[in-house]
Protein backbone atom coordinates (compact mmCIF):
# COMPACT_ATOMS: atom_id res chain seq x y z
CA MET A 1 8.56 33.16 16.90
CA ASP A 2 9.67 32.64 13.30
CA GLU A 3 7.08 29.88 12.93
CA VAL A 4 4.28 32.24 13.92
CA LYS A 5 5.48 34.84 11.41
CA PHE A 6 5.59 32.16 8.71
CA VAL A 7 2.03 31.04 9.47
CA ILE A 8 0.73 34.61 9.45
CA LYS A 9 2.52 35.45 6.18
CA THR A 10 1.23 32.27 4.56
CA PHE A 11 -2.31 32.99 5.75
CA LEU A 12 -2.18 36.55 4.37
CA ALA A 13 -0.75 35.35 1.05
CA THR A 14 -3.55 32.79 0.80
CA LEU A 15 -6.19 35.43 1.50
CA LEU A 16 -4.67 37.67 -1.18
CA LEU A 17 -4.63 34.84 -3.70
CA ILE A 18 -8.25 33.96 -2.95
CA ALA A 19 -9.27 37.61 -3.37
CA LEU A 20 -7.41 37.89 -6.69
CA MET A 21 -9.01 34.70 -8.01
CA GLN A 22 -12.46 36.29 -7.57
CA ILE A 23 -11.78 39.03 -10.13
CA LYS A 24 -14.14 38.75 -13.08
CA ILE A 25 -12.83 38.93 -16.61
CA GLY A 26 -15.75 39.02 -18.97
CA ASP A 27 -18.44 36.75 -17.58
CA LYS A 28 -16.19 34.36 -15.63
CA THR A 29 -13.89 34.70 -12.63
CA ILE A 30 -10.21 33.84 -12.84
CA GLU A 31 -10.93 30.91 -10.52
CA THR A 32 -13.52 29.48 -12.91
CA ARG A 33 -11.19 29.87 -15.88
CA ALA A 34 -8.31 28.21 -14.03
CA TYR A 35 -10.56 25.31 -12.95
CA GLN A 36 -11.83 24.77 -16.50
CA MET A 37 -8.32 24.92 -17.93
CA ALA A 38 -7.04 22.40 -15.36
CA SER A 39 -9.96 20.01 -15.77
CA GLN A 40 -9.64 19.96 -19.57
CA SER A 41 -5.87 19.63 -19.84
CA LYS A 42 -4.19 16.50 -21.19
CA PHE A 43 -2.08 16.30 -18.05
CA THR A 44 -5.22 15.83 -15.95
CA TYR A 45 -6.32 12.92 -18.12
CA PHE A 46 -2.81 11.46 -17.83
CA LEU A 47 -3.03 11.63 -14.02
CA ILE A 48 -6.47 9.99 -14.09
CA ASP A 49 -5.08 7.13 -16.19
CA ILE A 50 -2.21 6.66 -13.74
CA ALA A 51 -4.63 6.60 -10.80
CA GLN A 52 -6.88 4.03 -12.49
CA GLY A 53 -3.88 1.84 -13.32
CA THR A 54 -2.67 2.05 -9.74
CA ILE A 55 -6.08 0.99 -8.45
CA GLN A 56 -6.17 -2.00 -10.81
CA LEU A 57 -2.64 -2.99 -9.80
CA SER A 58 -3.48 -2.80 -6.10
CA LYS A 59 -6.59 -4.96 -6.63
CA GLN A 60 -4.53 -7.59 -8.45
CA LEU A 61 -1.86 -7.54 -5.76
CA LYS A 62 -4.48 -7.94 -3.05
CA LYS A 63 -5.95 -10.91 -4.88
CA LEU A 64 -2.50 -12.53 -5.20
CA ILE A 65 -1.70 -11.93 -1.53
CA ASP A 66 -5.07 -13.35 -0.46
CA GLN A 67 -4.48 -16.45 -2.59
CA ALA A 68 -1.00 -16.91 -1.13
CA PHE A 69 -2.31 -16.76 2.43
CA ASP A 70 -5.24 -19.08 1.65
CA LYS A 71 -2.81 -21.71 0.30
CA SER A 72 -0.63 -21.47 3.39
CA LYS A 73 -3.58 -22.12 5.73
CA THR A 74 -4.57 -25.44 4.17
CA PRO A 75 -2.51 -28.44 5.32
């Protein structure tokens, strides 16, 4: 029963947060301002750089693994 209460409380808290984010201050909602602030922050660019580096690393690892298996197949 505690799980059901938790789900209901979380759902209600989410609805409240969504409703509060729709409040307009000036010409923009709080949601729009938060999105713009998050998308322009240095931390976001840092995370993008980490993601791009991880993708490059995984491509290089895949290439190395493919080469290792190709060498083992030839007699």
